[in-house]
Every structure is written in structure tokens, then in C-alpha cells.
């Protein structure tokens, strides 16, 4: 007599074995940048053999938070070696309105901002799991601005992805330093990114002949990937589930093509 439960049991066993193969390890990493102690987060699936494509994450304006930890874990589950940077420094995790002042320090000093990100990139590059030929960076809000600045620094990476970041162009000539592909994921109704900034960003990319793509999500405002932003668009920042999902998929496609073509 056949066991009617056998197929279901075998399927469950296979599924469980698959889950067990994903061993996501999270490690707090201290490093220095210009004499300042920073505290980032390394996340990787330790069951993945060999060197892996790697992603640097630049945080939003409150500093390295649970949101970046979640995204790092999601990326690690996709097979990437991930390092979430700490731009502000160890223990500096300001909440609004103080976060605006802290973020402003770096937006008004792009050289310092780039230095902090380059230090974090160095940590990722030196990690034993990183395939140096396949490194990219993503950033949210403040960090979305950041990854564009990282590209402008001339960093040797394959691509950057900006999620609802500021897209101004304070020094258009810096576009010529960009050596990587650029993907900007933008809320079409974001009141914090004026039309003149958007136009200046695109002009900089075109003048420098950067391989870039700008995707705008109708109905989405600032911080559309951040659930903590709430759902009231009238505040200028709000979570948008459809834009969050679509932008994540856009990033995944970007990375697949980026690393296959550059591999």
C-alpha cells in the first residue's frame, strides 16, 4: 500500500534542506576612516563557495539601521557578499530632526562624504568573499545621493543603484570621473527632488557619456522603500509597496546583467 504522505514529506524535506544550505552570517565590523572609528555590518551566506559578487550599502539619514540590515540580508540570500557602511561613525545614529543636520554635514562636504564611503568600500574589497571584478553599491535617501557621489569619486566598481536619493549635480564636471553604470530609482512625485535637480543630473550623465538609467515610479514620493515613513504622501515621504517591489526587481535585473556582462 502506497504511503499517501510520502510525496509531501519528501517535498518538505527538500525544502528544509534548501533552507539549511543558506547560512546567513552577520558580523559587526569596526574600521576607521580619516581617524574616525566606524561600525559597519558584514552579511554573507557562508555556504556559498568561492568569491562572490559584492554589494556595498549606504544608509539613509538616520545612520546604519535595521532597514539596511534587512536589505543586506536580502542581498546575501541572493548570493551577494554585503557590507553595510557607517558614514557617520560608531554610535552616531541621529533621529529627526537631528538626522537632517548630520546628513547635511556630508552633503555640504562631498569630499568627506566620498572618503567615508571609499573607506567602507575598501573593507568590502579586502573581504575574502569578494570577487573584485564584481562589486557594486546601493543607497537609500541620503545613501542614494551617496552612491552617485561614490561613482563621481572615480571608484572602481561596476555599478551603483540610488533608491530615492537626491539627484542634484553640484559639480557637473565630476561626471567625467564615473567609470561605472548608474541606475537611479526615483519617486515621480518626490517633492525633495526638484525638476531642476533631475534635469541637471541627467545633463551631467549625458555630457559625461555615462551608461545610466533613470526610472520614475508614478505616485511614489520620497522614501518609498521605507515602511517606517508611513503611507501619507502629503508629508512628502511615504512607503509605496508597489514602487518598493518594482525598484527591488529593477535592481536585481541590473545586477544580473551587470555581473554577467562584466564577469
C-alpha atoms as a PDB file:
ATOM      1  CA  UNK A   1       0.000   0.000   0.000  1.00  0.00           C
ATOM      2  CA  UNK A   2       1.418   3.381  -1.019  1.00  0.00           C
ATOM      3  CA  UNK A   3       2.072   5.987   1.629  1.00  0.00           C
ATOM      4  CA  UNK A   4      -0.023   8.986   0.579  1.00  0.00           C
ATOM      5  CA  UNK A   5       2.099  11.263   2.748  1.00  0.00           C
ATOM      6  CA  UNK A   6       5.445  10.267   1.223  1.00  0.00           C
ATOM      7  CA  UNK A   7       5.491  12.825  -1.653  1.00  0.00           C
ATOM      8  CA  UNK A   8       4.591  15.679   0.679  1.00  0.00           C
ATOM      9  CA  UNK A   9       7.177  14.552   3.220  1.00  0.00           C
ATOM     10  CA  UNK A  10       9.905  14.342   0.570  1.00  0.00           C
ATOM     11  CA  UNK A  11       8.984  17.797  -0.755  1.00  0.00           C
ATOM     12  CA  UNK A  12       9.136  19.255   2.750  1.00  0.00           C
ATOM     13  CA  UNK A  13      12.488  17.583   3.343  1.00  0.00           C
ATOM     14  CA  UNK A  14      13.921  19.037   0.130  1.00  0.00           C
ATOM     15  CA  UNK A  15      12.638  22.478   1.067  1.00  0.00           C
ATOM     16  CA  UNK A  16      14.127  22.194   4.563  1.00  0.00           C
ATOM     17  CA  UNK A  17      17.478  21.082   3.142  1.00  0.00           C
ATOM     18  CA  UNK A  18      17.490  24.083   0.831  1.00  0.00           C
ATOM     19  CA  UNK A  19      16.853  26.444   3.727  1.00  0.00           C
ATOM     20  CA  UNK A  20      19.589  24.826   5.784  1.00  0.00           C
ATOM     21  CA  UNK A  21      22.073  25.453   2.979  1.00  0.00           C
ATOM     22  CA  UNK A  22      21.579  29.200   3.412  1.00  0.00           C
ATOM     23  CA  UNK A  23      23.704  30.128   6.414  1.00  0.00           C
ATOM     24  CA  UNK A  24      23.421  33.899   6.668  1.00  0.00           C
ATOM     25  CA  UNK A  25      26.130  35.264   8.930  1.00  0.00           C
ATOM     26  CA  UNK A  26      26.027  38.845  10.224  1.00  0.00           C
ATOM     27  CA  UNK A  27      29.158  40.394  11.693  1.00  0.00           C
ATOM     28  CA  UNK A  28      29.669  43.866  13.137  1.00  0.00           C
ATOM     29  CA  UNK A  29      32.913  45.283  11.735  1.00  0.00           C
ATOM     30  CA  UNK A  30      34.871  48.193  13.164  1.00  0.00           C
ATOM     31  CA  UNK A  31      37.064  50.147  10.764  1.00  0.00           C
ATOM     32  CA  UNK A  32      38.499  53.637  10.551  1.00  0.00           C
ATOM     33  CA  UNK A  33      38.076  56.469   8.083  1.00  0.00           C
ATOM     34  CA  UNK A  34      40.269  59.523   8.479  1.00  0.00           C
ATOM     35  CA  UNK A  35      40.919  58.607  12.102  1.00  0.00           C
ATOM     36  CA  UNK A  36      37.202  58.181  12.885  1.00  0.00           C
ATOM     37  CA  UNK A  37      36.025  54.799  14.144  1.00  0.00           C
ATOM     38  CA  UNK A  38      33.098  53.471  12.124  1.00  0.00           C
ATOM     39  CA  UNK A  39      30.946  50.405  12.732  1.00  0.00           C
ATOM     40  CA  UNK A  40      29.575  48.637   9.677  1.00  0.00           C
ATOM     41  CA  UNK A  41      27.836  45.316   9.135  1.00  0.00           C
ATOM     42  CA  UNK A  42      29.084  42.399   7.029  1.00  0.00           C
ATOM     43  CA  UNK A  43      26.487  39.881   5.846  1.00  0.00           C
ATOM     44  CA  UNK A  44      27.150  36.765   3.761  1.00  0.00           C
ATOM     45  CA  UNK A  45      25.815  33.277   3.144  1.00  0.00           C
ATOM     46  CA  UNK A  46      28.724  31.200   4.449  1.00  0.00           C
ATOM     47  CA  UNK A  47      27.533  28.165   2.496  1.00  0.00           C
ATOM     48  CA  UNK A  48      28.435  29.919  -0.771  1.00  0.00           C
ATOM     49  CA  UNK A  49      31.800  28.711  -2.015  1.00  0.00           C
ATOM     50  CA  UNK A  50      34.495  30.867  -3.538  1.00  0.00           C
ATOM     51  CA  UNK A  51      34.455  34.590  -4.163  1.00  0.00           C
ATOM     52  CA  UNK A  52      31.084  36.272  -4.669  1.00  0.00           C
ATOM     53  CA  UNK A  53      29.745  39.374  -6.376  1.00  0.00           C
ATOM     54  CA  UNK A  54      29.681  42.042  -3.687  1.00  0.00           C
ATOM     55  CA  UNK A  55      27.440  44.961  -2.757  1.00  0.00           C
ATOM     56  CA  UNK A  56      28.147  47.986  -0.567  1.00  0.00           C
ATOM     57  CA  UNK A  57      25.092  49.560   1.116  1.00  0.00           C
ATOM     58  CA  UNK A  58      24.990  53.256   2.060  1.00  0.00           C
ATOM     59  CA  UNK A  59      22.412  54.069   4.722  1.00  0.00           C
ATOM     60  CA  UNK A  60      19.630  56.645   4.921  1.00  0.00           C
ATOM     61  CA  UNK A  61      19.841  59.800   7.040  1.00  0.00           C
ATOM     62  CA  UNK A  62      19.460  58.213  10.484  1.00  0.00           C
ATOM     63  CA  UNK A  63      22.607  56.141  10.007  1.00  0.00           C
ATOM     64  CA  UNK A  64      23.079  52.396   9.790  1.00  0.00           C
ATOM     65  CA  UNK A  65      19.793  50.870  10.923  1.00  0.00           C
ATOM     66  CA  UNK A  66      17.573  47.792  10.880  1.00  0.00           C
ATOM     67  CA  UNK A  67      16.461  48.778   7.396  1.00  0.00           C
ATOM     68  CA  UNK A  68      19.973  48.373   5.973  1.00  0.00           C
ATOM     69  CA  UNK A  69      20.386  45.151   7.963  1.00  0.00           C
ATOM     70  CA  UNK A  70      17.218  43.803   6.311  1.00  0.00           C
ATOM     71  CA  UNK A  71      18.398  44.777   2.821  1.00  0.00           C
ATOM     72  CA  UNK A  72      21.835  43.290   3.487  1.00  0.00           C
ATOM     73  CA  UNK A  73      20.217  40.021   4.486  1.00  0.00           C
ATOM     74  CA  UNK A  74      18.021  40.044   1.380  1.00  0.00           C
ATOM     75  CA  UNK A  75      21.073  40.566  -0.813  1.00  0.00           C
ATOM     76  CA  UNK A  76      23.040  37.842   0.973  1.00  0.00           C
ATOM     77  CA  UNK A  77      20.161  35.447   0.361  1.00  0.00           C
ATOM     78  CA  UNK A  78      20.511  36.248  -3.340  1.00  0.00           C
ATOM     79  CA  UNK A  79      24.148  35.206  -3.193  1.00  0.00           C
ATOM     80  CA  UNK A  80      25.941  38.523  -2.701  1.00  0.00           C
ATOM     81  CA  UNK A  81      28.684  39.367  -0.233  1.00  0.00           C
ATOM     82  CA  UNK A  82      27.418  42.507   1.506  1.00  0.00           C
ATOM     83  CA  UNK A  83      28.875  45.279   3.619  1.00  0.00           C
ATOM     84  CA  UNK A  84      26.637  47.987   5.048  1.00  0.00           C
ATOM     85  CA  UNK A  85      28.737  51.117   5.571  1.00  0.00           C
ATOM     86  CA  UNK A  86      28.698  53.511   8.501  1.00  0.00           C
ATOM     87  CA  UNK A  87      29.207  57.013   7.134  1.00  0.00           C
ATOM     88  CA  UNK A  88      28.573  58.876  10.394  1.00  0.00           C
ATOM     89  CA  UNK A  89      30.826  56.945  12.761  1.00  0.00           C
ATOM     90  CA  UNK A  90      30.336  54.474  15.605  1.00  0.00           C
ATOM     91  CA  UNK A  91      27.406  55.286  17.853  1.00  0.00           C
ATOM     92  CA  UNK A  92      26.158  58.198  15.751  1.00  0.00           C
ATOM     93  CA  UNK A  93      22.589  57.264  14.868  1.00  0.00           C
ATOM     94  CA  UNK A  94      20.614  60.545  14.929  1.00  0.00           C
ATOM     95  CA  UNK A  95      16.832  60.686  14.732  1.00  0.00           C
ATOM     96  CA  UNK A  96      14.862  63.520  13.106  1.00  0.00           C
ATOM     97  CA  UNK A  97      15.359  66.427  13.224  1.00  0.00           C
ATOM     98  CA  UNK A  98      18.983  65.844  14.253  1.00  0.00           C
ATOM     99  CA  UNK A  99      19.442  63.437  11.346  1.00  0.00           C
ATOM    100  CA  UNK A 100      18.933  66.281   8.893  1.00  0.00           C
ATOM    101  CA  UNK A 101      21.780  68.235  10.447  1.00  0.00           C
ATOM    102  CA  UNK A 102      24.099  65.211  10.448  1.00  0.00           C
ATOM    103  CA  UNK A 103      23.312  64.345   6.825  1.00  0.00           C
ATOM    104  CA  UNK A 104      23.855  67.973   5.891  1.00  0.00           C
ATOM    105  CA  UNK A 105      27.470  67.805   7.088  1.00  0.00           C
ATOM    106  CA  UNK A 106      28.251  65.339   4.336  1.00  0.00           C
ATOM    107  CA  UNK A 107      26.059  66.809   1.625  1.00  0.00           C
ATOM    108  CA  UNK A 108      27.870  70.119   2.127  1.00  0.00           C
ATOM    109  CA  UNK A 109      31.268  68.396   2.169  1.00  0.00           C
ATOM    110  CA  UNK A 110      31.214  65.921  -0.693  1.00  0.00           C
ATOM    111  CA  UNK A 111      34.944  65.218  -0.302  1.00  0.00           C
ATOM    112  CA  UNK A 112      34.401  63.968   3.248  1.00  0.00           C
ATOM    113  CA  UNK A 113      31.345  62.017   2.144  1.00  0.00           C
ATOM    114  CA  UNK A 114      33.329  60.269  -0.571  1.00  0.00           C
ATOM    115  CA  UNK A 115      36.178  59.484   1.820  1.00  0.00           C
ATOM    116  CA  UNK A 116      33.820  57.771   4.265  1.00  0.00           C
ATOM    117  CA  UNK A 117      32.299  55.646   1.514  1.00  0.00           C
ATOM    118  CA  UNK A 118      35.644  54.784  -0.050  1.00  0.00           C
ATOM    119  CA  UNK A 119      36.867  53.558   3.345  1.00  0.00           C
ATOM    120  CA  UNK A 120      33.858  51.253   3.575  1.00  0.00           C
ATOM    121  CA  UNK A 121      34.413  50.078   0.002  1.00  0.00           C
ATOM    122  CA  UNK A 122      37.973  49.191   0.950  1.00  0.00           C
ATOM    123  CA  UNK A 123      36.646  46.986   3.766  1.00  0.00           C
ATOM    124  CA  UNK A 124      34.388  45.166   1.324  1.00  0.00           C
ATOM    125  CA  UNK A 125      37.141  44.803  -1.267  1.00  0.00           C
ATOM    126  CA  UNK A 126      39.517  43.274   1.272  1.00  0.00           C
ATOM    127  CA  UNK A 127      36.983  40.711   2.452  1.00  0.00           C
ATOM    128  CA  UNK A 128      37.877  37.155   1.488  1.00  0.00           C
ATOM    129  CA  UNK A 129      34.437  36.533  -0.019  1.00  0.00           C
ATOM    130  CA  UNK A 130      34.581  39.433  -2.506  1.00  0.00           C
ATOM    131  CA  UNK A 131      35.084  38.969  -6.224  1.00  0.00           C
ATOM    132  CA  UNK A 132      36.848  42.243  -7.034  1.00  0.00           C
ATOM    133  CA  UNK A 133      35.648  42.109 -10.635  1.00  0.00           C
ATOM    134  CA  UNK A 134      32.013  42.186  -9.473  1.00  0.00           C
ATOM    135  CA  UNK A 135      31.439  44.974  -6.966  1.00  0.00           C
ATOM    136  CA  UNK A 136      28.517  47.418  -6.852  1.00  0.00           C
ATOM    137  CA  UNK A 137      26.880  49.813  -4.391  1.00  0.00           C
ATOM    138  CA  UNK A 138      23.324  50.742  -3.450  1.00  0.00           C
ATOM    139  CA  UNK A 139      21.996  53.525  -1.246  1.00  0.00           C
ATOM    140  CA  UNK A 140      18.761  54.837   0.225  1.00  0.00           C
ATOM    141  CA  UNK A 141      17.734  58.515   0.512  1.00  0.00           C
ATOM    142  CA  UNK A 142      20.920  60.101   1.936  1.00  0.00           C
ATOM    143  CA  UNK A 143      22.704  56.972   0.748  1.00  0.00           C
ATOM    144  CA  UNK A 144      21.067  57.265  -2.664  1.00  0.00           C
ATOM    145  CA  UNK A 145      22.815  60.604  -3.002  1.00  0.00           C
ATOM    146  CA  UNK A 146      25.913  58.922  -1.638  1.00  0.00           C
ATOM    147  CA  UNK A 147      26.301  56.186  -4.227  1.00  0.00           C
ATOM    148  CA  UNK A 148      26.161  58.785  -7.012  1.00  0.00           C
ATOM    149  CA  UNK A 149      28.960  60.635  -5.203  1.00  0.00           C
ATOM    150  CA  UNK A 150      30.858  57.364  -4.855  1.00  0.00           C
ATOM    151  CA  UNK A 151      30.645  56.939  -8.614  1.00  0.00           C
ATOM    152  CA  UNK A 152      31.768  60.541  -9.135  1.00  0.00           C
ATOM    153  CA  UNK A 153      34.838  59.847  -6.999  1.00  0.00           C
ATOM    154  CA  UNK A 154      36.073  57.509  -9.712  1.00  0.00           C
ATOM    155  CA  UNK A 155      35.642  54.421  -7.544  1.00  0.00           C
ATOM    156  CA  UNK A 156      36.491  51.183  -9.320  1.00  0.00           C
ATOM    157  CA  UNK A 157      33.120  49.472  -9.173  1.00  0.00           C
ATOM    158  CA  UNK A 158      30.778  48.069 -11.803  1.00  0.00           C
ATOM    159  CA  UNK A 159      27.585  49.910 -10.934  1.00  0.00           C
ATOM    160  CA  UNK A 160      25.597  51.940  -8.413  1.00  0.00           C
ATOM    161  CA  UNK A 161      21.888  51.963  -7.604  1.00  0.00           C
ATOM    162  CA  UNK A 162      20.271  55.023  -5.997  1.00  0.00           C
ATOM    163  CA  UNK A 163      16.919  54.447  -4.268  1.00  0.00           C
ATOM    164  CA  UNK A 164      15.024  57.747  -3.870  1.00  0.00           C
ATOM    165  CA  UNK A 165      18.259  59.676  -3.473  1.00  0.00           C
ATOM    166  CA  UNK A 166      18.968  63.345  -4.043  1.00  0.00           C
ATOM    167  CA  UNK A 167      19.875  63.776  -7.694  1.00  0.00           C
ATOM    168  CA  UNK A 168      21.461  67.191  -7.726  1.00  0.00           C
ATOM    169  CA  UNK A 169      24.623  67.976  -9.675  1.00  0.00           C
ATOM    170  CA  UNK A 170      26.782  70.311  -7.555  1.00  0.00           C
ATOM    171  CA  UNK A 171      29.919  69.793  -9.669  1.00  0.00           C
ATOM    172  CA  UNK A 172      28.849  68.614 -13.135  1.00  0.00           C
ATOM    173  CA  UNK A 173      32.436  68.166 -14.295  1.00  0.00           C
ATOM    174  CA  UNK A 174      32.793  65.271 -11.824  1.00  0.00           C
ATOM    175  CA  UNK A 175      30.607  63.194 -14.088  1.00  0.00           C
ATOM    176  CA  UNK A 176      33.661  62.525 -16.224  1.00  0.00           C
ATOM    177  CA  UNK A 177      35.170  60.539 -13.331  1.00  0.00           C
ATOM    178  CA  UNK A 178      32.376  57.954 -13.388  1.00  0.00           C
ATOM    179  CA  UNK A 179      33.666  54.562 -14.505  1.00  0.00           C
ATOM    180  CA  UNK A 180      30.558  52.506 -13.771  1.00  0.00           C
ATOM    181  CA  UNK A 181      26.927  52.136 -14.770  1.00  0.00           C
ATOM    182  CA  UNK A 182      24.347  54.177 -12.874  1.00  0.00           C
ATOM    183  CA  UNK A 183      20.750  53.243 -12.036  1.00  0.00           C
ATOM    184  CA  UNK A 184      18.601  55.904 -10.358  1.00  0.00           C
ATOM    185  CA  UNK A 185      15.235  54.750  -8.948  1.00  0.00           C
ATOM    186  CA  UNK A 186      13.120  57.806  -8.287  1.00  0.00           C
ATOM    187  CA  UNK A 187       9.692  58.626  -6.913  1.00  0.00           C
ATOM    188  CA  UNK A 188       7.945  60.590  -9.669  1.00  0.00           C
ATOM    189  CA  UNK A 189       6.144  62.718  -7.067  1.00  0.00           C
ATOM    190  CA  UNK A 190       9.138  63.219  -4.739  1.00  0.00           C
ATOM    191  CA  UNK A 191       8.943  66.874  -3.596  1.00  0.00           C
ATOM    192  CA  UNK A 192      12.511  66.774  -2.281  1.00  0.00           C
ATOM    193  CA  UNK A 193      13.974  66.297  -5.754  1.00  0.00           C
ATOM    194  CA  UNK A 194      13.016  69.389  -7.767  1.00  0.00           C
ATOM    195  CA  UNK A 195      12.749  69.237 -11.537  1.00  0.00           C
ATOM    196  CA  UNK A 196      15.860  71.382 -11.939  1.00  0.00           C
ATOM    197  CA  UNK A 197      17.941  68.857  -9.990  1.00  0.00           C
ATOM    198  CA  UNK A 198      16.594  65.995 -12.042  1.00  0.00           C
ATOM    199  CA  UNK A 199      17.403  67.831 -15.262  1.00  0.00           C
ATOM    200  CA  UNK A 200      20.899  68.715 -14.034  1.00  0.00           C
ATOM    201  CA  UNK A 201      21.587  65.104 -13.060  1.00  0.00           C
ATOM    202  CA  UNK A 202      20.559  63.810 -16.462  1.00  0.00           C
ATOM    203  CA  UNK A 203      22.552  66.506 -18.237  1.00  0.00           C
ATOM    204  CA  UNK A 204      25.654  65.576 -16.230  1.00  0.00           C
ATOM    205  CA  UNK A 205      25.234  61.905 -17.117  1.00  0.00           C
ATOM    206  CA  UNK A 206      24.733  62.672 -20.799  1.00  0.00           C
ATOM    207  CA  UNK A 207      27.616  65.141 -21.018  1.00  0.00           C
ATOM    208  CA  UNK A 208      29.956  62.608 -19.407  1.00  0.00           C
ATOM    209  CA  UNK A 209      28.568  59.798 -21.588  1.00  0.00           C
ATOM    210  CA  UNK A 210      27.739  57.712 -18.546  1.00  0.00           C
ATOM    211  CA  UNK A 211      25.792  54.497 -19.086  1.00  0.00           C
ATOM    212  CA  UNK A 212      22.834  55.425 -16.895  1.00  0.00           C
ATOM    213  CA  UNK A 213      19.137  54.717 -16.466  1.00  0.00           C
ATOM    214  CA  UNK A 214      16.549  56.765 -14.601  1.00  0.00           C
ATOM    215  CA  UNK A 215      13.320  55.031 -13.567  1.00  0.00           C
ATOM    216  CA  UNK A 216      10.467  57.095 -12.110  1.00  0.00           C
ATOM    217  CA  UNK A 217       7.582  55.486 -10.225  1.00  0.00           C
ATOM    218  CA  UNK A 218       4.245  57.312 -10.595  1.00  0.00           C
ATOM    219  CA  UNK A 219       2.513  58.046  -7.296  1.00  0.00           C
ATOM    220  CA  UNK A 220       5.687  57.458  -5.284  1.00  0.00           C
ATOM    221  CA  UNK A 221       7.217  60.174  -3.119  1.00  0.00           C
ATOM    222  CA  UNK A 222      10.448  60.255  -1.121  1.00  0.00           C
ATOM    223  CA  UNK A 223      11.466  57.205   0.966  1.00  0.00           C
ATOM    224  CA  UNK A 224       9.156  54.896  -0.976  1.00  0.00           C
ATOM    225  CA  UNK A 225      11.070  51.781   0.150  1.00  0.00           C
ATOM    226  CA  UNK A 226      10.897  52.650   3.877  1.00  0.00           C
ATOM    227  CA  UNK A 227       7.915  51.244   5.759  1.00  0.00           C
ATOM    228  CA  UNK A 228       8.670  53.492   8.727  1.00  0.00           C
ATOM    229  CA  UNK A 229       7.826  56.504   6.530  1.00  0.00           C
ATOM    230  CA  UNK A 230       4.115  55.706   6.809  1.00  0.00           C
ATOM    231  CA  UNK A 231       1.570  55.958   3.996  1.00  0.00           C
ATOM    232  CA  UNK A 232       0.698  59.663   3.848  1.00  0.00           C
ATOM    233  CA  UNK A 233       2.039  61.066   0.562  1.00  0.00           C
ATOM    234  CA  UNK A 234       1.123  64.588   1.644  1.00  0.00           C
ATOM    235  CA  UNK A 235       4.096  64.539   4.025  1.00  0.00           C
ATOM    236  CA  UNK A 236       6.445  64.191   1.067  1.00  0.00           C
ATOM    237  CA  UNK A 237       7.893  60.900   2.302  1.00  0.00           C
ATOM    238  CA  UNK A 238       5.857  57.696   2.418  1.00  0.00           C
ATOM    239  CA  UNK A 239       6.144  53.978   1.819  1.00  0.00           C
ATOM    240  CA  UNK A 240       4.854  52.663  -1.513  1.00  0.00           C
ATOM    241  CA  UNK A 241       4.664  48.881  -1.690  1.00  0.00           C
ATOM    242  CA  UNK A 242       4.378  48.717  -5.471  1.00  0.00           C
ATOM    243  CA  UNK A 243       7.362  51.026  -6.010  1.00  0.00           C
ATOM    244  CA  UNK A 244       9.369  49.187  -3.363  1.00  0.00           C
ATOM    245  CA  UNK A 245       8.797  45.846  -5.063  1.00  0.00           C
ATOM    246  CA  UNK A 246       9.331  47.190  -8.576  1.00  0.00           C
ATOM    247  CA  UNK A 247      12.540  49.028  -7.669  1.00  0.00           C
ATOM    248  CA  UNK A 248      13.995  45.957  -5.945  1.00  0.00           C
ATOM    249  CA  UNK A 249      13.277  43.884  -9.041  1.00  0.00           C
ATOM    250  CA  UNK A 250      14.830  46.595 -11.209  1.00  0.00           C
ATOM    251  CA  UNK A 251      17.973  46.403  -9.075  1.00  0.00           C
ATOM    252  CA  UNK A 252      18.100  42.609  -9.324  1.00  0.00           C
ATOM    253  CA  UNK A 253      17.848  42.739 -13.106  1.00  0.00           C
ATOM    254  CA  UNK A 254      20.521  45.447 -13.206  1.00  0.00           C
ATOM    255  CA  UNK A 255      22.910  43.323 -11.141  1.00  0.00           C
ATOM    256  CA  UNK A 256      22.257  40.176 -13.169  1.00  0.00           C
ATOM    257  CA  UNK A 257      23.064  41.933 -16.417  1.00  0.00           C
ATOM    258  CA  UNK A 258      25.917  43.913 -14.900  1.00  0.00           C
ATOM    259  CA  UNK A 259      27.784  40.982 -13.450  1.00  0.00           C
ATOM    260  CA  UNK A 260      27.121  38.611 -16.348  1.00  0.00           C
ATOM    261  CA  UNK A 261      28.309  41.105 -18.945  1.00  0.00           C
ATOM    262  CA  UNK A 262      31.295  42.211 -16.877  1.00  0.00           C
ATOM    263  CA  UNK A 263      32.155  38.862 -15.394  1.00  0.00           C
END
